[in-house]
C-alpha atoms as a PDB file:
ATOM      1  CA  MET A   1      10.194  32.760  24.257  1.00  0.00           C
ATOM      2  CA  GLY A   2       7.993  30.148  25.697  1.00  0.00           C
ATOM      3  CA  ALA A   3       4.437  29.439  24.721  1.00  0.00           C
ATOM      4  CA  ILE A   4       3.752  30.988  27.904  1.00  0.00           C
ATOM      5  CA  ILE A   5       6.080  34.105  26.511  1.00  0.00           C
ATOM      6  CA  LEU A   6       4.618  33.752  23.669  1.00  0.00           C
ATOM      7  CA  GLN A   7       0.947  34.194  24.339  1.00  0.00           C
ATOM      8  CA  ARG A   8       2.464  37.779  26.502  1.00  0.00           C
ATOM      9  CA  VAL A   9       4.455  39.145  23.526  1.00  0.00           C
ATOM     10  CA  HIS A  10       3.462  41.013  20.294  1.00  0.00           C
ATOM     11  CA  PRO A  11       1.925  38.699  18.053  1.00  0.00           C
ATOM     12  CA  ALA A  12       4.042  39.428  15.036  1.00  0.00           C
ATOM     13  CA  LEU A  13       6.844  37.775  17.155  1.00  0.00           C
ATOM     14  CA  ALA A  14       5.242  34.075  18.124  1.00  0.00           C
ATOM     15  CA  LEU A  15       4.193  34.469  14.275  1.00  0.00           C
ATOM     16  CA  ALA A  16       7.705  34.764  13.304  1.00  0.00           C
ATOM     17  CA  TYR A  17       9.196  32.175  15.429  1.00  0.00           C
ATOM     18  CA  TYR A  18       6.766  29.512  14.265  1.00  0.00           C
ATOM     19  CA  ALA A  19       7.908  30.325  10.983  1.00  0.00           C
ATOM     20  CA  CYS A  20      11.285  29.613  11.587  1.00  0.00           C
ATOM     21  CA  CYS A  21      10.560  26.474  13.401  1.00  0.00           C
ATOM     22  CA  VAL A  22       8.861  25.160  10.105  1.00  0.00           C
ATOM     23  CA  ALA A  23      11.326  26.708   7.252  1.00  0.00           C
ATOM     24  CA  ALA A  24      13.367  24.753  10.013  1.00  0.00           C
ATOM     25  CA  ALA A  25      12.439  21.357   9.393  1.00  0.00           C
ATOM     26  CA  PHE A  26      12.790  21.707   5.747  1.00  0.00           C
ATOM     27  CA  ILE A  27      16.352  23.260   5.482  1.00  0.00           C
ATOM     28  CA  PHE A  28      17.557  20.904   8.243  1.00  0.00           C
ATOM     29  CA  PHE A  29      16.685  17.048   6.076  1.00  0.00           C
ATOM     30  CA  SER A  30      18.393  14.529   7.828  1.00  0.00           C
ATOM     31  CA  PRO A  31      17.325  12.451  10.379  1.00  0.00           C
ATOM     32  CA  ILE A  32      18.928  13.858  13.204  1.00  0.00           C
ATOM     33  CA  ALA A  33      17.667  17.283  12.866  1.00  0.00           C
ATOM     34  CA  ILE A  34      14.258  16.313  12.106  1.00  0.00           C
ATOM     35  CA  GLY A  35      14.112  13.948  15.119  1.00  0.00           C
ATOM     36  CA  LEU A  36      14.813  17.263  16.957  1.00  0.00           C
ATOM     37  CA  ASN A  37      12.692  18.816  14.962  1.00  0.00           C
ATOM     38  CA  LEU A  38       9.799  16.317  16.145  1.00  0.00           C
ATOM     39  CA  ALA A  39      10.133  16.504  19.528  1.00  0.00           C
ATOM     40  CA  ALA A  40      10.388  20.203  20.151  1.00  0.00           C
ATOM     41  CA  ALA A  41       7.211  20.193  18.040  1.00  0.00           C
ATOM     42  CA  ALA A  42       5.872  17.462  20.011  1.00  0.00           C
ATOM     43  CA  SER A  43       7.095  19.152  23.539  1.00  0.00           C
ATOM     44  CA  SER A  44       5.558  22.412  22.793  1.00  0.00           C
ATOM     45  CA  ALA A  45       2.054  21.314  21.663  1.00  0.00           C
ATOM     46  CA  LEU A  46       2.492  18.855  25.116  1.00  0.00           C
ATOM     47  CA  PHE A  47       2.172  22.258  27.489  1.00  0.00           C
ATOM     48  CA  LEU A  48      -0.095  23.943  24.698  1.00  0.00           C
ATOM     49  CA  LEU A  49      -2.506  21.838  23.983  1.00  0.00           C
ATOM     50  CA  GLY A  50      -2.612  19.241  27.061  1.00  0.00           C
ATOM     51  CA  GLY A  51      -1.317  15.453  26.905  1.00  0.00           C
ATOM     52  CA  LYS A  52      -4.874  14.376  25.821  1.00  0.00           C
ATOM     53  CA  ALA A  53      -5.384  16.752  22.955  1.00  0.00           C
ATOM     54  CA  LEU A  54      -1.853  15.877  21.893  1.00  0.00           C
ATOM     55  CA  LEU A  55      -2.670  12.160  21.915  1.00  0.00           C
ATOM     56  CA  ARG A  56      -5.919  12.395  19.648  1.00  0.00           C
ATOM     57  CA  ARG A  57      -4.245  14.817  17.564  1.00  0.00           C
ATOM     58  CA  CYS A  58      -1.022  12.025  17.083  1.00  0.00           C
ATOM     59  CA  ALA A  59      -3.528   9.422  16.932  1.00  0.00           C
ATOM     60  CA  ALA A  60      -5.199  10.894  13.529  1.00  0.00           C
ATOM     61  CA  LEU A  61      -2.113  12.191  11.614  1.00  0.00           C
ATOM     62  CA  LEU A  62       0.341   8.915  12.961  1.00  0.00           C
ATOM     63  CA  PRO A  63      -1.484   6.554  10.147  1.00  0.00           C
ATOM     64  CA  PHE A  64      -1.483   9.542   8.028  1.00  0.00           C
ATOM     65  CA  ALA A  65       2.210  10.166   8.303  1.00  0.00           C
ATOM     66  CA  LEU A  66       2.518   6.466   7.597  1.00  0.00           C
ATOM     67  CA  LEU A  67       0.943   5.759   4.749  1.00  0.00           C
ATOM     68  CA  ALA A  68       2.639   8.382   3.361  1.00  0.00           C
ATOM     69  CA  ALA A  69       6.237   6.895   3.925  1.00  0.00           C
ATOM     70  CA  LEU A  70       4.714   3.892   2.622  1.00  0.00           C
ATOM     71  CA  LEU A  71       3.426   5.503  -0.739  1.00  0.00           C
ATOM     72  CA  ASN A  72       6.795   7.295  -1.375  1.00  0.00           C
ATOM     73  CA  ALA A  73       9.169   4.079  -0.673  1.00  0.00           C
ATOM     74  CA  ALA A  74       6.851   2.260  -3.270  1.00  0.00           C
ATOM     75  CA  VAL A  75       7.090   4.515  -5.727  1.00  0.00           C
ATOM     76  CA  ASN A  76      10.329   5.834  -5.237  1.00  0.00           C
ATOM     77  CA  ARG A  77      12.667   3.061  -7.007  1.00  0.00           C
ATOM     78  CA  GLN A  78      16.102   4.502  -6.524  1.00  0.00           C
ATOM     79  CA  GLY A  79      18.914   3.426  -3.484  1.00  0.00           C
ATOM     80  CA  GLN A  80      20.864   0.274  -4.044  1.00  0.00           C
ATOM     81  CA  SER A  81      20.569  -1.999  -0.889  1.00  0.00           C
ATOM     82  CA  ILE A  82      17.203  -3.871  -1.397  1.00  0.00           C
ATOM     83  CA  VAL A  83      14.946  -4.621   1.532  1.00  0.00           C
ATOM     84  CA  PHE A  84      12.926  -7.380  -0.645  1.00  0.00           C
ATOM     85  CA  GLU A  85      11.618  -7.743  -3.883  1.00  0.00           C
ATOM     86  CA  LEU A  86       8.838  -9.060  -4.717  1.00  0.00           C
ATOM     87  CA  TRP A  87       6.576  -9.113  -8.316  1.00  0.00           C
ATOM     88  CA  GLY A  88       8.600  -7.217  -9.922  1.00  0.00           C
ATOM     89  CA  PHE A  89       8.318  -4.388  -6.811  1.00  0.00           C
ATOM     90  CA  SER A  90      11.326  -3.667  -4.789  1.00  0.00           C
ATOM     91  CA  LEU A  91      12.088  -1.726  -2.230  1.00  0.00           C
ATOM     92  CA  SER A  92      15.280  -0.066  -1.155  1.00  0.00           C
ATOM     93  CA  TYR A  93      16.912   1.007   2.312  1.00  0.00           C
ATOM     94  CA  GLU A  94      17.675   3.942   1.021  1.00  0.00           C
ATOM     95  CA  SER A  95      14.166   4.666   0.280  1.00  0.00           C
ATOM     96  CA  LEU A  96      12.624   3.838   2.933  1.00  0.00           C
ATOM     97  CA  ALA A  97      14.761   5.980   5.152  1.00  0.00           C
ATOM     98  CA  TYR A  98      13.751   9.123   2.832  1.00  0.00           C
ATOM     99  CA  SER A  99      10.367   8.384   3.247  1.00  0.00           C
ATOM    100  CA  LEU A 100      10.326   8.117   7.120  1.00  0.00           C
ATOM    101  CA  CYS A 101      12.485  11.637   7.232  1.00  0.00           C
ATOM    102  CA  ALA A 102       9.430  12.962   5.033  1.00  0.00           C
ATOM    103  CA  SER A 103       6.951  11.537   6.674  1.00  0.00           C
ATOM    104  CA  GLY A 104       8.331  12.945  10.443  1.00  0.00           C
ATOM    105  CA  MET A 105       9.214  16.570   8.948  1.00  0.00           C
ATOM    106  CA  LEU A 106       5.068  16.533   7.785  1.00  0.00           C
ATOM    107  CA  LEU A 107       3.933  15.658  10.918  1.00  0.00           C
ATOM    108  CA  ALA A 108       6.610  17.997  12.701  1.00  0.00           C
ATOM    109  CA  VAL A 109       5.335  20.820  10.731  1.00  0.00           C
ATOM    110  CA  MET A 110       1.686  19.742  11.126  1.00  0.00           C
ATOM    111  CA  LEU A 111       2.418  20.227  15.071  1.00  0.00           C
ATOM    112  CA  TRP A 112       4.132  23.126  14.765  1.00  0.00           C
ATOM    113  CA  PHE A 113       0.923  24.805  12.796  1.00  0.00           C
ATOM    114  CA  ALA A 114      -1.676  23.017  15.800  1.00  0.00           C
ATOM    115  CA  CYS A 115       0.957  25.431  18.649  1.00  0.00           C
ATOM    116  CA  TRP A 116       0.451  28.435  15.756  1.00  0.00           C
ATOM    117  CA  ASN A 117      -3.343  27.888  15.980  1.00  0.00           C
ATOM    118  CA  ALA A 118      -3.500  27.896  20.135  1.00  0.00           C
ATOM    119  CA  VAL A 119      -0.521  30.525  20.032  1.00  0.00           C
ATOM    120  CA  VAL A 120      -1.935  33.325  17.259  1.00  0.00           C
ATOM    121  CA  SER A 121      -5.717  33.620  17.623  1.00  0.00           C
ATOM    122  CA  SER A 122      -7.962  35.788  14.925  1.00  0.00           C
ATOM    123  CA  ASP A 123      -7.406  39.072  17.017  1.00  0.00           C
ATOM    124  CA  LYS A 124      -3.653  38.532  16.855  1.00  0.00           C
ATOM    125  CA  LEU A 125      -3.980  38.176  12.896  1.00  0.00           C
ATOM    126  CA  ILE A 126      -6.026  41.152  12.499  1.00  0.00           C
ATOM    127  CA  ALA A 127      -3.519  43.025  14.726  1.00  0.00           C
ATOM    128  CA  ILE A 128      -0.480  41.827  12.832  1.00  0.00           C
ATOM    129  CA  PHE A 129      -1.965  42.169   8.796  1.00  0.00           C
ATOM    130  CA  GLY A 130      -5.310  44.514   9.720  1.00  0.00           C
ATOM    131  CA  LYS A 131      -3.280  47.707   8.508  1.00  0.00           C
ATOM    132  CA  ALA A 132      -1.204  45.963   5.824  1.00  0.00           C
ATOM    133  CA  ALA A 133      -3.847  44.100   4.217  1.00  0.00           C
ATOM    134  CA  PRO A 134      -7.481  44.442   6.276  1.00  0.00           C
ATOM    135  CA  ARG A 135      -9.530  42.944   3.502  1.00  0.00           C
ATOM    136  CA  LEU A 136      -7.542  39.978   2.703  1.00  0.00           C
ATOM    137  CA  SER A 137      -6.871  39.464   6.583  1.00  0.00           C
ATOM    138  CA  LEU A 138     -10.612  39.440   7.637  1.00  0.00           C
ATOM    139  CA  LEU A 139     -11.153  37.048   4.902  1.00  0.00           C
ATOM    140  CA  PHE A 140      -8.449  34.453   6.198  1.00  0.00           C
ATOM    141  CA  VAL A 141      -9.577  35.224   9.934  1.00  0.00           C
ATOM    142  CA  MET A 142     -13.335  34.566   8.627  1.00  0.00           C
ATOM    143  CA  THR A 143     -12.094  31.250   7.012  1.00  0.00           C
ATOM    144  CA  LEU A 144     -10.059  29.504   9.894  1.00  0.00           C
ATOM    145  CA  ARG A 145     -13.248  31.117  12.175  1.00  0.00           C
ATOM    146  CA  PHE A 146     -15.836  29.034   9.748  1.00  0.00           C
ATOM    147  CA  VAL A 147     -13.685  25.545   9.645  1.00  0.00           C
ATOM    148  CA  PRO A 148     -14.319  24.113  13.274  1.00  0.00           C
ATOM    149  CA  ARG A 149     -17.862  26.156  13.182  1.00  0.00           C
ATOM    150  CA  LEU A 150     -18.915  24.254  10.046  1.00  0.00           C
ATOM    151  CA  GLY A 151     -18.231  21.093  12.601  1.00  0.00           C
ATOM    152  CA  VAL A 152     -20.454  22.011  15.039  1.00  0.00           C
ATOM    153  CA  GLN A 153     -23.190  23.480  12.824  1.00  0.00           C
ATOM    154  CA  ALA A 154     -22.965  20.098  10.703  1.00  0.00           C
ATOM    155  CA  ARG A 155     -23.178  17.983  13.938  1.00  0.00           C
ATOM    156  CA  GLN A 156     -26.319  20.444  14.813  1.00  0.00           C
ATOM    157  CA  ILE A 157     -28.293  19.792  11.767  1.00  0.00           C
ATOM    158  CA  ILE A 158     -27.958  16.242  12.007  1.00  0.00           C
ATOM    159  CA  SER A 159     -29.661  16.058  15.591  1.00  0.00           C
ATOM    160  CA  ALA A 160     -31.768  18.648  14.879  1.00  0.00           C
ATOM    161  CA  GLN A 161     -33.030  16.275  11.547  1.00  0.00           C
ATOM    162  CA  ARG A 162     -33.400  13.455  13.057  1.00  0.00           C
ATOM    163  CA  GLY A 163     -35.229  14.762  15.488  1.00  0.00           C
ATOM    164  CA  LEU A 164     -37.358  15.903  12.720  1.00  0.00           C
ATOM    165  CA  GLY A 165     -37.554  12.099  11.285  1.00  0.00           C
ATOM    166  CA  ARG A 166     -36.124  13.739   8.095  1.00  0.00           C
ATOM    167  CA  ILE A 167     -32.842  11.193   8.226  1.00  0.00           C
ATOM    168  CA  ASP A 168     -33.225   7.571   7.240  1.00  0.00           C
ATOM    169  CA  ARG A 169     -31.935   5.582   9.991  1.00  0.00           C
ATOM    170  CA  SER A 170     -30.915   2.320   7.695  1.00  0.00           C
ATOM    171  CA  HIS A 171     -27.460   2.097   5.944  1.00  0.00           C
ATOM    172  CA  SER A 172     -28.161   1.943   2.770  1.00  0.00           C
ATOM    173  CA  LEU A 173     -26.222   3.585   0.184  1.00  0.00           C
ATOM    174  CA  ARG A 174     -28.957   5.262  -1.416  1.00  0.00           C
ATOM    175  CA  ALA A 175     -30.286   6.635   1.733  1.00  0.00           C
ATOM    176  CA  ARG A 176     -26.748   7.796   3.195  1.00  0.00           C
ATOM    177  CA  LEU A 177     -26.503   9.806   0.205  1.00  0.00           C
ATOM    178  CA  HIS A 178     -29.628  11.354   0.567  1.00  0.00           C
ATOM    179  CA  ASP A 179     -28.895  12.689   4.208  1.00  0.00           C
ATOM    180  CA  GLY A 180     -25.360  13.905   2.986  1.00  0.00           C
ATOM    181  CA  GLY A 181     -26.737  15.942   0.430  1.00  0.00           C
ATOM    182  CA  LEU A 182     -29.515  17.255   2.676  1.00  0.00           C
ATOM    183  CA  VAL A 183     -27.431  18.273   5.769  1.00  0.00           C
ATOM    184  CA  PHE A 184     -24.952  19.738   3.113  1.00  0.00           C
ATOM    185  CA  SER A 185     -27.343  21.750   1.243  1.00  0.00           C
ATOM    186  CA  VAL A 186     -28.830  23.041   4.801  1.00  0.00           C
ATOM    187  CA  LEU A 187     -25.211  23.881   5.981  1.00  0.00           C
ATOM    188  CA  LEU A 188     -24.284  25.747   2.847  1.00  0.00           C
ATOM    189  CA  THR A 189     -27.240  27.211   3.541  1.00  0.00           C
ATOM    190  CA  TRP A 190     -26.213  28.410   6.878  1.00  0.00           C
ATOM    191  CA  ALA A 191     -22.532  29.528   6.076  1.00  0.00           C
ATOM    192  CA  LEU A 192     -23.668  32.110   3.511  1.00  0.00           C
ATOM    193  CA  GLU A 193     -25.796  33.213   5.410  1.00  0.00           C
ATOM    194  CA  ASN A 194     -23.843  34.151   7.793  1.00  0.00           C
ATOM    195  CA  ALA A 195     -20.979  35.111   6.042  1.00  0.00           C
ATOM    196  CA  MET A 196     -23.337  37.575   4.293  1.00  0.00           C
ATOM    197  CA  GLU A 197     -24.395  39.013   7.267  1.00  0.00           C
ATOM    198  CA  ALA A 198     -20.652  39.443   8.311  1.00  0.00           C
ATOM    199  CA  ALA A 199     -19.922  41.189   5.705  1.00  0.00           C
ATOM    200  CA  ASP A 200     -22.594  43.813   5.882  1.00  0.00           C
ATOM    201  CA  SER A 201     -21.982  44.170   9.481  1.00  0.00           C
ATOM    202  CA  MET A 202     -18.217  44.794   8.781  1.00  0.00           C
ATOM    203  CA  ARG A 203     -18.589  47.031   6.057  1.00  0.00           C
ATOM    204  CA  ALA A 204     -21.251  49.207   8.453  1.00  0.00           C
ATOM    205  CA  ARG A 205     -18.788  49.649  10.355  1.00  0.00           C
ATOM    206  CA  GLY A 206     -16.819  51.196   7.936  1.00  0.00           C
ATOM    207  CA  TYR A 207     -13.967  48.065   8.301  1.00  0.00           C
ATOM    208  CA  GLY A 208     -11.064  48.756   5.373  1.00  0.00           C
ATOM    209  CA  LEU A 209     -11.933  52.136   4.692  1.00  0.00           C
ATOM    210  CA  PRO A 210      -9.161  54.654   3.915  1.00  0.00           C
ATOM    211  CA  GLY A 211      -8.207  56.693   6.696  1.00  0.00           C
ATOM    212  CA  ARG A 212     -10.290  54.796   9.597  1.00  0.00           C
ATOM    213  CA  GLY A 213      -8.355  53.801  12.549  1.00  0.00           C
ATOM    214  CA  SER A 214      -7.649  50.304  14.191  1.00  0.00           C
ATOM    215  CA  TYR A 215      -7.523  49.794  18.333  1.00  0.00           C
ATOM    216  CA  SER A 216      -4.944  46.956  18.721  1.00  0.00           C
ATOM    217  CA  LEU A 217      -3.963  46.059  22.384  1.00  0.00           C
ATOM    218  CA  PHE A 218      -0.676  44.556  21.303  1.00  0.00           C
ATOM    219  CA  ARG A 219       2.354  47.021  21.147  1.00  0.00           C
ATOM    220  CA  PHE A 220       5.620  46.238  20.179  1.00  0.00           C
ATOM    221  CA  GLY A 221       8.031  46.672  23.142  1.00  0.00           C
ATOM    222  CA  ALA A 222      11.720  46.405  24.417  1.00  0.00           C
ATOM    223  CA  ARG A 223      11.063  43.397  24.905  1.00  0.00           C
ATOM    224  CA  ASP A 224       9.692  42.341  21.806  1.00  0.00           C
ATOM    225  CA  PHE A 225      12.673  43.946  20.162  1.00  0.00           C
ATOM    226  CA  ILE A 226      15.323  41.724  22.499  1.00  0.00           C
ATOM    227  CA  LEU A 227      13.319  38.442  21.748  1.00  0.00           C
ATOM    228  CA  LEU A 228      13.291  39.575  17.754  1.00  0.00           C
ATOM    229  CA  CYS A 229      17.262  40.137  17.869  1.00  0.00           C
ATOM    230  CA  LEU A 230      17.704  36.590  19.878  1.00  0.00           C
ATOM    231  CA  LEU A 231      15.423  35.101  17.049  1.00  0.00           C
ATOM    232  CA  LEU A 232      17.502  36.435  14.154  1.00  0.00           C
ATOM    233  CA  ALA A 233      20.230  35.452  15.317  1.00  0.00           C
ATOM    234  CA  TRP A 234      19.512  32.136  16.479  1.00  0.00           C
ATOM    235  CA  ALA A 235      17.925  31.831  12.463  1.00  0.00           C
ATOM    236  CA  ALA A 236      21.081  33.715  11.070  1.00  0.00           C
ATOM    237  CA  VAL A 237      23.453  31.452  12.281  1.00  0.00           C
ATOM    238  CA  CYS A 238      21.373  28.067  11.901  1.00  0.00           C
ATOM    239  CA  VAL A 239      21.085  28.991   7.841  1.00  0.00           C
ATOM    240  CA  ILE A 240      25.030  29.752   7.918  1.00  0.00           C
ATOM    241  CA  GLY A 241      25.522  26.974   9.599  1.00  0.00           C
ATOM    242  CA  SER A 242      23.597  24.707   7.281  1.00  0.00           C
ATOM    243  CA  LEU A 243      25.423  26.059   4.624  1.00  0.00           C
ATOM    244  CA  GLY A 244      28.981  25.326   5.591  1.00  0.00           C
ATOM    245  CA  SER A 245      28.783  21.991   7.354  1.00  0.00           C
ATOM    246  CA  SER A 246      27.942  18.629   6.224  1.00  0.00           C
ATOM    247  CA  LEU A 247      24.318  18.115   8.712  1.00  0.00           C
ATOM    248  CA  GLY A 248      22.150  17.191   5.676  1.00  0.00           C
ATOM    249  CA  ALA A 249      22.117  13.593   5.011  1.00  0.00           C
ATOM    250  CA  GLU A 250      22.366  12.013   1.218  1.00  0.00           C
ATOM    251  CA  PHE A 251      19.830   8.998   0.430  1.00  0.00           C
ATOM    252  CA  PHE A 252      20.279   8.254  -3.115  1.00  0.00           C
ATOM    253  CA  PRO A 253      22.037   6.308  -4.422  1.00  0.00           C
ATOM    254  CA  ALA A 254      23.450   5.257  -1.039  1.00  0.00           C
ATOM    255  CA  LEU A 255      22.444   6.655   2.531  1.00  0.00           C
ATOM    256  CA  VAL A 256      25.362   8.919   3.613  1.00  0.00           C
ATOM    257  CA  LEU A 257      24.357   9.905   7.265  1.00  0.00           C
ATOM    258  CA  PRO A 258      25.769  13.843   8.362  1.00  0.00           C
ATOM    259  CA  GLN A 259      29.332  13.875  10.297  1.00  0.00           C
ATOM    260  CA  THR A 260      29.238  14.245  13.980  1.00  0.00           C
ATOM    261  CA  GLY A 261      32.208  16.868  14.400  1.00  0.00           C
ATOM    262  CA  LEU A 262      32.507  19.689  16.775  1.00  0.00           C
ATOM    263  CA  ARG A 263      31.053  22.415  14.202  1.00  0.00           C
ATOM    264  CA  GLU A 264      28.118  20.074  13.664  1.00  0.00           C
ATOM    265  CA  SER A 265      27.590  19.053  17.564  1.00  0.00           C
ATOM    266  CA  VAL A 266      27.781  22.933  18.233  1.00  0.00           C
ATOM    267  CA  LEU A 267      25.258  24.031  15.524  1.00  0.00           C
ATOM    268  CA  LEU A 268      22.686  20.903  16.327  1.00  0.00           C
ATOM    269  CA  SER A 269      22.927  22.025  19.995  1.00  0.00           C
ATOM    270  CA  ILE A 270      21.976  25.813  18.985  1.00  0.00           C
ATOM    271  CA  TYR A 271      19.177  24.324  16.608  1.00  0.00           C
ATOM    272  CA  ALA A 272      17.956  22.229  19.452  1.00  0.00           C
ATOM    273  CA  ILE A 273      18.194  24.997  22.485  1.00  0.00           C
ATOM    274  CA  GLY A 274      16.076  27.180  19.691  1.00  0.00           C
ATOM    275  CA  LEU A 275      13.697  24.754  19.088  1.00  0.00           C
ATOM    276  CA  PHE A 276      12.884  23.775  22.812  1.00  0.00           C
ATOM    277  CA  PHE A 277      13.162  26.958  24.084  1.00  0.00           C
ATOM    278  CA  PRO A 278       9.536  26.891  24.336  1.00  0.00           C
ATOM    279  CA  ALA A 279       8.966  23.795  26.366  1.00  0.00           C
ATOM    280  CA  ILE A 280      12.225  24.365  28.328  1.00  0.00           C
ATOM    281  CA  THR A 281      10.110  27.334  29.423  1.00  0.00           C
ATOM    282  CA  ASP A 282       6.929  26.162  30.173  1.00  0.00           C
ATOM    283  CA  PHE A 283       8.816  23.577  32.373  1.00  0.00           C
ATOM    284  CA  TRP A 284      10.596  26.477  34.285  1.00  0.00           C
ATOM    285  CA  GLU A 285       6.747  28.116  34.675  1.00  0.00           C
ATOM    286  CA  VAL A 286       5.570  24.786  35.810  1.00  0.00           C
ATOM    287  CA  LEU A 287       8.156  24.209  38.567  1.00  0.00           C
ATOM    288  CA  ARG A 288       8.366  27.575  39.820  1.00  0.00           C
ATOM    289  CA  TRP A 289       4.207  27.897  40.264  1.00  0.00           C
ATOM    290  CA  ARG A 290       4.621  24.568  42.169  1.00  0.00           C
ATOM    291  CA  PHE A 291       7.712  25.752  43.777  1.00  0.00           C
ATOM    292  CA  MET A 292       5.103  28.711  44.648  1.00  0.00           C
ATOM    293  CA  LYS A 293       2.304  27.056  46.131  1.00  0.00           C
ATOM    294  CA  LEU A 294       4.473  24.387  48.462  1.00  0.00           C
ATOM    295  CA  ARG A 295       5.996  27.677  50.002  1.00  0.00           C
ATOM    296  CA  GLY A 296       2.437  29.111  50.360  1.00  0.00           C
END
């Protein structure tokens, strides 16, 4: 179920896969498992978003993750191994390790959501939830659609206001607050008007009325069923294996890393295969395409 395959299969299957990857980041809370999850999320984002987009996203998320780790380590006073102590403030090795693992988990979840946003578009969300909850799915899709449009519209409003000479180019706080309020007022008016037009349009089309049919390009076929069975089997093995193994690390009061026996190694291998399957499939597709171009 690589990212290329995930764009071809039923959107419910892609949504279920990314939900399992996000849940796996919370279930397996240990340095090795979180490192695997983060590497898998980064590799999938590399094929979906591209190298430059991935670097920009990581540059924006890494400072936030490191800041969260430092704040968590500063607040958490547990742990036996003190790294340093100054003016009554103590930082332990255990709290620092726990904070770094939590930040890595947060970064992995953010990257998985970026992959999910690249694969599961608004029309796919309507195809998944349109029949069960048509109004809720429409509201959710409109919200996701408005978020990037608000940024584009805000930049257009700022350019138009500068062209009219209504934005003060001085750097005083009062001028910045006045300009921000002006842009926000225009942007809010545009957003409300656009939402009302979209609601009137959907109401005129009879969206959400009882008995109204809906057309969908996506059909749940035999391939989707086989992939769903494989996904459920992988999730079941991971959940059951996590209950009966010692893969979870203990951070407090002392750091105890998970064991690396045969059972844990097999479970980690299965866990990694499921996570890296998108990157492996995408890499194989790239190799096939380049080989065909060389032969042609």
